[in-house]
């Protein structure tokens, strides 16, 4: 009897150890389902990109200021693709916020003639408004210099853009950024050179590295324009790469660079900057990028 009792107790101990061991494993791994009514409710995380931001600040250059869209050699911010209020353009701000709200909750800190090196300073101004979206369009003036050797280096261009993004992130880590590609300057030259008046205005100093001696088709002039174009393409690569490192930044996927501006989208004053119609096309590109479910590739 004693032997059988000891065997029974040993068997029971083995069973208990197995049960306790299994329970302990579940306690560590959390594999066992919770009893009905005790399961924690899981909420779907909010998307990183808000497709309907409620305020916008713009930084950049003459394009965002609406330069030469209304009168010769003058800014016309009311037709700006980013923050303008003109019904002819339906700016990004108007499309996202509505016309009345766009007046109150959008701000334009772009400056005609600005280069990428000026962007950190503009961003410092923009962050004071605490916008939910910042639009960036800069780089054309870095390529539009007196000579190709005076163009902003790709390294310096990258450093300035990274500094601008850091300036924003230090204060507003969750603000979204829309980055436009630099327009195709060579195409603008090709379209604008068909207009005699435009070429006369170009002689006043608009983008001389690309537009100088507009009718010169020699190999030297062609090489100069190709050098400018290659630099623009390099700038756009930088914009894409830097933006890709920030989960709340969207690059337009070269949509502005690829857009085939015709004479109808160019200023009738200088045949280079966007006209009111051209500004509207830029606004449409920006709106598609900002409201898309997925970012451009």
Protein backbone atom coordinates (compact mmCIF):
# COMPACT_ATOMS: atom_id res chain seq x y z
CA UNK A 1 0.00 0.00 0.00
CA UNK A 2 2.78 2.48 0.90
CA UNK A 3 4.51 1.89 -2.45
CA UNK A 4 1.29 2.47 -4.41
CA UNK A 5 0.54 5.62 -2.42
CA UNK A 6 3.98 6.99 -3.18
CA UNK A 7 3.54 6.23 -6.91
CA UNK A 8 0.17 8.03 -6.94
CA UNK A 9 1.60 11.07 -5.25
CA UNK A 10 4.53 11.16 -7.71
CA UNK A 11 2.17 10.90 -10.68
CA UNK A 12 0.01 13.70 -9.28
CA UNK A 13 3.11 15.87 -8.80
CA UNK A 14 4.08 15.35 -12.44
CA UNK A 15 0.60 16.33 -13.65
CA UNK A 16 0.52 19.44 -11.43
CA UNK A 17 3.96 20.49 -12.65
CA UNK A 18 2.87 20.16 -16.25
CA UNK A 19 -0.29 22.19 -15.64
CA UNK A 20 1.56 24.90 -13.72
CA UNK A 21 4.31 24.96 -16.33
CA UNK A 22 1.77 25.50 -19.10
CA UNK A 23 0.04 28.23 -17.14
CA UNK A 24 3.36 29.91 -16.52
CA UNK A 25 4.21 29.84 -20.24
CA UNK A 26 0.92 31.49 -21.13
CA UNK A 27 1.47 34.11 -18.47
CA UNK A 28 4.78 35.03 -20.07
CA UNK A 29 3.82 34.73 -23.74
CA UNK A 30 0.25 35.96 -23.45
CA UNK A 31 -0.98 33.24 -25.81
CA UNK A 32 -4.13 32.37 -23.86
CA UNK A 33 -7.26 34.19 -24.97
CA UNK A 34 -8.76 36.56 -22.42
CA UNK A 35 -12.15 35.62 -21.01
CA UNK A 36 -15.15 37.03 -22.83
CA UNK A 37 -15.84 40.62 -21.90
CA UNK A 38 -12.28 41.27 -20.65
CA UNK A 39 -10.47 41.76 -23.96
CA UNK A 40 -9.01 45.24 -24.36
CA UNK A 41 -10.52 47.27 -27.15
CA UNK A 42 -7.93 48.11 -29.83
CA UNK A 43 -8.21 51.45 -31.62
CA UNK A 44 -6.86 52.01 -35.11
CA UNK A 45 -3.91 54.43 -34.97
CA UNK A 46 -4.46 57.83 -36.50
CA UNK A 47 -2.85 58.17 -39.94
CA UNK A 48 0.49 59.98 -40.01
CA UNK A 49 -0.55 62.14 -42.98
CA UNK A 50 -3.60 64.38 -42.54
CA UNK A 51 -5.18 64.92 -45.95
CA UNK A 52 -7.15 67.96 -44.75
CA UNK A 53 -4.84 70.28 -42.78
CA UNK A 54 -6.52 73.37 -41.37
CA UNK A 55 -3.74 75.95 -41.82
CA UNK A 56 -0.95 76.56 -44.34
CA UNK A 57 2.29 78.52 -44.48
CA UNK A 58 4.25 78.89 -47.72
CA UNK A 59 7.99 79.37 -48.17
CA UNK A 60 9.96 79.72 -51.38
CA UNK A 61 10.68 82.15 -54.19
CA UNK A 62 9.05 84.32 -56.85
CA UNK A 63 6.78 81.59 -58.16
CA UNK A 64 5.03 81.34 -54.80
CA UNK A 65 4.79 85.15 -54.72
CA UNK A 66 2.96 85.18 -58.05
CA UNK A 67 5.71 87.27 -59.64
CA UNK A 68 4.84 88.67 -63.09
CA UNK A 69 1.44 86.97 -63.08
CA UNK A 70 -0.51 90.24 -62.84
CA UNK A 71 1.83 93.11 -63.78
CA UNK A 72 5.36 93.34 -65.09
CA UNK A 73 8.21 92.78 -62.63
CA UNK A 74 5.86 92.76 -59.62
CA UNK A 75 4.67 90.26 -57.04
CA UNK A 76 1.00 89.28 -57.08
CA UNK A 77 0.49 87.06 -54.01
CA UNK A 78 -3.28 86.98 -54.45
CA UNK A 79 -2.75 84.57 -57.35
CA UNK A 80 -0.14 82.44 -55.58
CA UNK A 81 -0.66 78.71 -56.15
CA UNK A 82 -0.08 78.11 -52.43
CA UNK A 83 -1.96 80.79 -50.50
CA UNK A 84 -3.67 83.09 -53.02
CA UNK A 85 -7.34 84.02 -52.76
CA UNK A 86 -8.07 84.63 -56.45
CA UNK A 87 -11.00 82.70 -57.88
CA UNK A 88 -9.00 82.33 -61.10
CA UNK A 89 -6.44 80.17 -59.36
CA UNK A 90 -8.20 78.29 -56.54
CA UNK A 91 -4.98 78.01 -54.60
CA UNK A 92 -4.04 75.06 -52.43
CA UNK A 93 -5.22 77.03 -49.40
CA UNK A 94 -8.60 77.73 -51.00
CA UNK A 95 -9.05 74.11 -52.06
CA UNK A 96 -8.20 72.82 -48.59
CA UNK A 97 -9.66 75.49 -46.32
CA UNK A 98 -12.27 77.36 -48.33
CA UNK A 99 -11.89 80.92 -49.61
CA UNK A 100 -12.76 82.82 -46.42
CA UNK A 101 -10.72 80.54 -44.16
CA UNK A 102 -7.76 80.74 -46.55
CA UNK A 103 -7.54 84.47 -45.83
CA UNK A 104 -7.34 83.85 -42.09
CA UNK A 105 -5.34 80.62 -41.88
CA UNK A 106 -2.71 80.81 -44.63
CA UNK A 107 0.51 82.84 -44.70
CA UNK A 108 3.01 83.49 -47.49
CA UNK A 109 6.65 83.92 -46.43
CA UNK A 110 8.16 83.33 -49.87
CA UNK A 111 10.43 86.06 -51.24
CA UNK A 112 11.11 86.87 -54.88
CA UNK A 113 14.72 86.08 -55.70
CA UNK A 114 15.14 83.73 -52.73
CA UNK A 115 17.46 80.75 -52.98
CA UNK A 116 17.57 77.58 -50.91
CA UNK A 117 19.99 79.25 -48.48
CA UNK A 118 17.15 81.66 -47.58
CA UNK A 119 14.74 78.87 -46.71
CA UNK A 120 15.81 78.34 -43.06
CA UNK A 121 15.07 82.00 -42.33
CA UNK A 122 11.68 81.80 -44.02
CA UNK A 123 10.93 78.61 -42.09
CA UNK A 124 11.75 80.41 -38.84
CA UNK A 125 9.03 82.91 -39.69
CA UNK A 126 6.58 80.23 -40.75
CA UNK A 127 6.81 78.22 -37.53
CA UNK A 128 5.58 81.20 -35.50
CA UNK A 129 2.15 80.59 -37.05
CA UNK A 130 2.16 76.92 -36.05
CA UNK A 131 0.72 75.81 -39.42
CA UNK A 132 -0.44 72.25 -39.96
CA UNK A 133 1.08 72.29 -43.46
CA UNK A 134 4.11 74.07 -44.91
CA UNK A 135 4.57 74.27 -48.68
CA UNK A 136 8.06 74.48 -50.17
CA UNK A 137 8.94 75.59 -53.69
CA UNK A 138 12.55 76.69 -54.04
CA UNK A 139 15.57 75.97 -56.18
CA UNK A 140 14.97 77.76 -59.47
CA UNK A 141 17.05 80.76 -58.38
CA UNK A 142 19.87 78.46 -57.31
CA UNK A 143 20.17 77.42 -60.95
CA UNK A 144 19.24 80.82 -62.42
CA UNK A 145 22.56 82.58 -61.90
CA UNK A 146 24.72 84.86 -64.00
CA UNK A 147 26.87 81.91 -65.04
CA UNK A 148 26.75 78.16 -64.57
CA UNK A 149 29.76 78.32 -62.25
CA UNK A 150 27.76 80.59 -59.93
CA UNK A 151 24.99 78.04 -59.46
CA UNK A 152 24.49 76.70 -55.93
CA UNK A 153 26.39 73.46 -55.47
CA UNK A 154 24.34 70.33 -54.86
CA UNK A 155 26.07 69.87 -51.50
CA UNK A 156 25.20 73.38 -50.33
CA UNK A 157 21.66 73.01 -51.65
CA UNK A 158 21.20 69.83 -49.61
CA UNK A 159 22.65 71.39 -46.47
CA UNK A 160 20.30 74.39 -46.65
CA UNK A 161 17.23 72.25 -47.23
CA UNK A 162 18.15 69.95 -44.36
CA UNK A 163 18.65 73.00 -42.14
CA UNK A 164 15.22 74.33 -43.10
CA UNK A 165 13.61 71.00 -42.25
CA UNK A 166 15.48 70.87 -38.94
CA UNK A 167 14.32 74.41 -38.15
CA UNK A 168 10.75 73.29 -38.66
CA UNK A 169 11.09 70.06 -36.71
CA UNK A 170 12.71 71.68 -33.69
CA UNK A 171 9.47 73.58 -33.05
CA UNK A 172 6.77 71.69 -34.93
CA UNK A 173 7.51 67.95 -35.06
CA UNK A 174 4.06 67.07 -36.43
CA UNK A 175 3.60 69.77 -39.07
CA UNK A 176 3.33 68.34 -42.58
CA UNK A 177 5.44 69.49 -45.50
CA UNK A 178 4.61 69.54 -49.21
CA UNK A 179 7.71 69.89 -51.38
CA UNK A 180 7.40 70.91 -55.02
CA UNK A 181 10.02 69.91 -57.54
CA UNK A 182 11.93 72.66 -59.32
CA UNK A 183 10.31 73.43 -62.70
CA UNK A 184 11.89 72.34 -65.97
CA UNK A 185 13.78 75.54 -66.79
CA UNK A 186 14.88 74.33 -70.20
CA UNK A 187 11.29 73.76 -71.25
CA UNK A 188 10.38 77.27 -70.07
CA UNK A 189 13.20 78.63 -72.26
CA UNK A 190 11.98 76.55 -75.20
CA UNK A 191 8.42 77.84 -74.88
CA UNK A 192 9.20 81.46 -74.01
CA UNK A 193 11.76 82.07 -76.74
CA UNK A 194 8.97 82.12 -79.31
CA UNK A 195 7.84 85.51 -77.99
CA UNK A 196 9.88 88.62 -78.96
CA UNK A 197 8.58 90.68 -76.02
CA UNK A 198 9.46 87.94 -73.56
CA UNK A 199 13.01 87.77 -74.85
CA UNK A 200 13.40 91.52 -74.36
CA UNK A 201 12.30 91.16 -70.73
CA UNK A 202 14.73 88.27 -70.28
CA UNK A 203 17.55 90.70 -71.07
CA UNK A 204 16.73 92.53 -67.83
CA UNK A 205 18.35 89.63 -66.02
CA UNK A 206 15.77 86.89 -65.62
CA UNK A 207 17.56 83.53 -65.26
CA UNK A 208 20.59 84.45 -67.41
CA UNK A 209 22.24 81.03 -67.07
CA UNK A 210 19.32 79.52 -68.99
CA UNK A 211 17.71 82.44 -70.81
CA UNK A 212 20.74 84.49 -71.82
CA UNK A 213 21.27 84.75 -75.61
CA UNK A 214 17.97 82.95 -76.06
CA UNK A 215 18.36 82.42 -79.80
CA UNK A 216 21.93 81.17 -79.60
CA UNK A 217 21.85 77.49 -80.58
CA UNK A 218 25.60 76.92 -80.81
CA UNK A 219 27.17 73.98 -79.04
CA UNK A 220 28.51 76.29 -76.33
CA UNK A 221 25.07 77.72 -75.57
CA UNK A 222 23.51 74.28 -75.70
CA UNK A 223 26.09 72.95 -73.24
CA UNK A 224 25.37 75.87 -70.91
CA UNK A 225 21.64 75.15 -70.89
CA UNK A 226 22.20 71.42 -70.47
CA UNK A 227 24.45 72.14 -67.48
CA UNK A 228 21.69 74.18 -65.87
CA UNK A 229 19.16 71.47 -66.58
CA UNK A 230 21.36 68.78 -65.04
CA UNK A 231 21.75 70.89 -61.92
CA UNK A 232 17.98 71.28 -61.63
CA UNK A 233 17.58 67.51 -61.90
CA UNK A 234 20.19 67.09 -59.16
CA UNK A 235 18.32 69.56 -56.95
CA UNK A 236 15.11 67.59 -57.42
CA UNK A 237 16.90 64.41 -56.40
CA UNK A 238 18.01 66.15 -53.20
CA UNK A 239 14.48 67.35 -52.47
CA UNK A 240 13.16 63.82 -52.91
CA UNK A 241 15.85 62.21 -50.75
CA UNK A 242 15.65 64.67 -47.86
CA UNK A 243 11.85 64.62 -47.87
CA UNK A 244 11.81 60.81 -47.87
CA UNK A 245 13.60 60.79 -44.51
CA UNK A 246 10.69 62.64 -42.88
CA UNK A 247 7.47 60.67 -42.44
CA UNK A 248 5.41 63.87 -42.54
CA UNK A 249 6.92 65.18 -45.78
CA UNK A 250 5.59 64.61 -49.29
CA UNK A 251 7.54 65.34 -52.46
CA UNK A 252 5.48 65.84 -55.61
CA UNK A 253 7.25 63.01 -57.45
CA UNK A 254 8.65 65.51 -60.01
CA UNK A 255 5.11 66.43 -61.07
CA UNK A 256 5.96 70.14 -61.42
CA UNK A 257 9.20 69.39 -63.26
CA UNK A 258 7.36 67.04 -65.62
CA UNK A 259 4.42 69.37 -66.25
CA UNK A 260 4.50 70.60 -69.85
CA UNK A 261 3.96 74.32 -69.38
CA UNK A 262 2.77 75.92 -72.60
CA UNK A 263 2.61 79.59 -73.52
CA UNK A 264 -0.86 79.77 -71.96
CA UNK A 265 0.62 78.92 -68.57
CA UNK A 266 3.45 81.48 -68.83
CA UNK A 267 3.40 85.14 -67.83
CA UNK A 268 2.58 87.47 -70.73
CA UNK A 269 5.08 89.86 -69.17
CA UNK A 270 8.19 87.68 -69.10
CA UNK A 271 7.18 84.35 -70.69
CA UNK A 272 8.98 82.46 -67.95
CA UNK A 273 7.15 82.72 -64.64
CA UNK A 274 3.71 81.08 -64.35
CA UNK A 275 0.71 83.07 -65.48
CA UNK A 276 -2.53 83.00 -63.50
CA UNK A 277 -3.42 79.83 -65.40
CA UNK A 278 0.01 78.38 -64.66
CA UNK A 279 -0.45 79.16 -60.97
CA UNK A 280 -3.75 77.29 -61.07
CA UNK A 281 -2.01 74.24 -62.56
CA UNK A 282 0.57 74.33 -59.76
CA UNK A 283 -2.23 74.51 -57.19
CA UNK A 284 -3.90 71.45 -58.74
CA UNK A 285 -0.66 69.46 -58.59
CA UNK A 286 -0.13 70.40 -54.94
CA UNK A 287 -3.71 69.54 -54.02
CA UNK A 288 -3.48 66.11 -55.64
CA UNK A 289 -0.26 65.39 -53.74
CA UNK A 290 -1.53 66.60 -50.37
CA UNK A 291 -4.87 64.79 -50.57
CA UNK A 292 -3.64 61.53 -52.11
CA UNK A 293 -4.06 58.39 -49.99
CA UNK A 294 -0.45 57.43 -50.67
CA UNK A 295 2.58 59.64 -51.35
CA UNK A 296 4.03 59.91 -54.84
CA UNK A 297 6.79 57.47 -55.66
